[in-house]
Amino acid sequence: MPELAAMYSVGALISMIVATLFALRQRAKYFDPRMVRLQKNLNLIGYRWNDLNLSVDPLGTDPAQAELAEYKKARATTIIFAVMSVIFSWGGLFFILLMWMSLNLLNKSKAKKILLESPLSESEELTAQQASHIFERLPRNQ
């Protein structure tokens, strides 16, 4: 019986390490300098990138509040999955790895790639007119 407890503990510890790395990776997506510049430049022209829907949405009345709400929603989901993966030990490790893989493999958006490779994410000194001109010239077949 102590062997089962030891195996559970080892699995829970490994799950906790992987879940922490997963949570840090998810957090880094929202604070990536390119993403911050992209959001700032899209805000100039009345839009914002919604990472949960993988789309460019019209800017609401309070863009900072919308970004914070999106980040809190993603953070809450990540924390729930992290805690559950630790509780389920080896099974949780399997599911957190499966979720991480699916987010990296299936969460590919052509629109996000186009936006992150555009000058909108490279320059902080854009004016609203320059940002609008760049945004309108981007391919729309996402």
Protein backbone atom coordinates (compact mmCIF):
# COMPACT_ATOMS: atom_id res chain seq x y z
CA MET A 1 0.00 0.00 0.00
CA PRO A 2 2.80 2.52 0.61
CA GLU A 3 3.90 1.89 -2.97
CA LEU A 4 0.54 3.11 -4.27
CA ALA A 5 0.76 6.25 -2.15
CA ALA A 6 4.30 6.85 -3.40
CA MET A 7 3.26 6.38 -7.03
CA TYR A 8 0.29 8.73 -6.54
CA SER A 9 2.58 11.32 -4.92
CA VAL A 10 5.14 11.10 -7.71
CA GLY A 11 2.41 11.44 -10.35
CA ALA A 12 0.87 14.38 -8.50
CA LEU A 13 4.26 16.08 -8.23
CA ILE A 14 5.01 15.60 -11.92
CA SER A 15 1.51 16.80 -12.79
CA MET A 16 2.04 19.89 -10.63
CA ILE A 17 5.31 20.69 -12.40
CA VAL A 18 3.80 20.25 -15.87
CA ALA A 19 0.64 22.17 -14.90
CA THR A 20 2.77 25.05 -13.60
CA LEU A 21 4.76 25.14 -16.83
CA PHE A 22 1.50 25.06 -18.78
CA ALA A 23 0.06 27.94 -16.72
CA LEU A 24 3.21 30.02 -17.18
CA ARG A 25 3.14 29.37 -20.94
CA GLN A 26 -0.49 30.43 -21.15
CA ARG A 27 0.26 33.60 -19.15
CA ALA A 28 3.21 34.43 -21.40
CA LYS A 29 0.91 34.47 -24.45
CA TYR A 30 -0.95 37.47 -23.07
CA PHE A 31 2.19 39.41 -22.13
CA ASP A 32 4.25 38.68 -25.23
CA PRO A 33 5.72 42.01 -26.45
CA ARG A 34 4.49 41.41 -30.01
CA MET A 35 0.96 40.74 -28.74
CA VAL A 36 1.04 43.85 -26.55
CA ARG A 37 2.14 46.00 -29.53
CA LEU A 38 -0.50 44.39 -31.74
CA GLN A 39 -3.26 45.11 -29.21
CA LYS A 40 -2.06 48.70 -28.81
CA ASN A 41 -2.04 49.31 -32.57
CA LEU A 42 -5.41 47.62 -33.10
CA ASN A 43 -6.86 49.74 -30.30
CA LEU A 44 -5.83 52.85 -32.25
CA ILE A 45 -8.24 51.88 -35.04
CA GLY A 46 -11.07 50.54 -32.89
CA TYR A 47 -10.31 46.81 -32.87
CA ARG A 48 -8.74 44.23 -30.58
CA TRP A 49 -7.45 40.68 -30.99
CA ASN A 50 -9.57 38.17 -29.07
CA ASP A 51 -7.32 35.22 -28.32
CA LEU A 52 -10.16 33.08 -26.98
CA ASN A 53 -12.19 33.38 -30.21
CA LEU A 54 -9.15 33.77 -32.48
CA SER A 55 -10.68 36.79 -34.16
CA VAL A 56 -10.40 40.55 -34.50
CA ASP A 57 -13.33 42.09 -32.63
CA PRO A 58 -14.59 45.66 -32.55
CA LEU A 59 -13.32 47.56 -29.57
CA GLY A 60 -15.85 47.93 -26.77
CA THR A 61 -16.24 50.90 -24.51
CA ASP A 62 -13.36 49.84 -22.26
CA PRO A 63 -10.60 47.93 -24.08
CA ALA A 64 -8.48 47.40 -20.98
CA GLN A 65 -11.46 45.86 -19.20
CA ALA A 66 -12.15 43.52 -22.14
CA GLU A 67 -8.53 42.34 -22.25
CA LEU A 68 -8.51 41.85 -18.48
CA ALA A 69 -11.76 39.85 -18.62
CA GLU A 70 -10.35 37.64 -21.38
CA TYR A 71 -7.14 37.08 -19.42
CA LYS A 72 -9.07 36.27 -16.22
CA LYS A 73 -11.25 33.77 -18.07
CA ALA A 74 -8.21 32.04 -19.56
CA ARG A 75 -6.40 32.11 -16.21
CA ALA A 76 -9.38 30.59 -14.37
CA THR A 77 -9.64 27.78 -16.91
CA THR A 78 -5.91 27.10 -16.64
CA ILE A 79 -6.03 27.01 -12.83
CA ILE A 80 -8.98 24.62 -12.83
CA PHE A 81 -7.23 22.25 -15.22
CA ALA A 82 -3.98 22.50 -13.25
CA VAL A 83 -5.65 21.66 -9.93
CA MET A 84 -7.59 18.79 -11.47
CA SER A 85 -4.46 17.39 -13.08
CA VAL A 86 -2.68 17.34 -9.71
CA ILE A 87 -5.66 15.65 -8.04
CA PHE A 88 -5.85 12.96 -10.73
CA SER A 89 -2.07 12.38 -10.58
CA TRP A 90 -0.96 10.29 -13.59
CA GLY A 91 -4.35 10.57 -15.31
CA GLY A 92 -4.23 14.32 -14.78
CA LEU A 93 -0.75 14.43 -16.27
CA PHE A 94 -2.09 12.69 -19.37
CA PHE A 95 -4.99 15.16 -19.69
CA ILE A 96 -2.91 18.29 -19.11
CA LEU A 97 -0.41 17.08 -21.74
CA LEU A 98 -3.28 16.29 -24.09
CA MET A 99 -4.76 19.76 -23.56
CA TRP A 100 -1.38 21.44 -24.04
CA MET A 101 -0.79 19.52 -27.27
CA SER A 102 -4.26 20.28 -28.58
CA LEU A 103 -3.87 24.00 -27.83
CA ASN A 104 -0.54 24.06 -29.66
CA LEU A 105 -1.69 21.96 -32.61
CA LEU A 106 -5.31 23.02 -33.04
CA ASN A 107 -5.05 26.63 -31.89
CA LYS A 108 -3.40 27.72 -35.12
CA SER A 109 -5.08 30.72 -36.58
CA LYS A 110 -4.10 32.05 -39.95
CA ALA A 111 -5.43 35.46 -38.91
CA LYS A 112 -3.23 35.50 -35.80
CA LYS A 113 -0.19 34.49 -37.81
CA ILE A 114 -0.84 37.24 -40.37
CA LEU A 115 -1.34 39.85 -37.65
CA LEU A 116 1.76 38.82 -35.68
CA GLU A 117 3.90 38.92 -38.81
CA SER A 118 2.55 42.33 -39.85
CA PRO A 119 4.03 45.72 -38.96
CA LEU A 120 1.17 46.10 -36.46
CA SER A 121 3.05 43.88 -34.04
CA GLU A 122 6.51 45.21 -34.83
CA SER A 123 6.23 48.95 -34.26
CA GLU A 124 4.98 50.90 -31.27
CA GLU A 125 5.19 54.28 -32.96
CA LEU A 126 2.33 53.86 -35.43
CA THR A 127 -0.31 56.52 -35.80
CA ALA A 128 -3.97 55.62 -36.15
CA GLN A 129 -3.79 56.40 -39.87
CA GLN A 130 -0.73 54.16 -40.39
CA ALA A 131 -2.29 51.35 -38.36
CA SER A 132 -5.53 51.62 -40.33
CA HIS A 133 -3.64 51.55 -43.63
CA ILE A 134 -1.66 48.44 -42.61
CA PHE A 135 -4.77 46.69 -41.26
CA GLU A 136 -6.78 47.31 -44.42
CA ARG A 137 -3.98 45.92 -46.61
CA LEU A 138 -3.81 42.62 -44.70
CA PRO A 139 -5.26 39.56 -46.46
CA ARG A 140 -8.87 38.95 -45.47
CA ASN A 141 -9.15 35.27 -46.42
CA GLN A 142 -8.43 34.02 -42.88
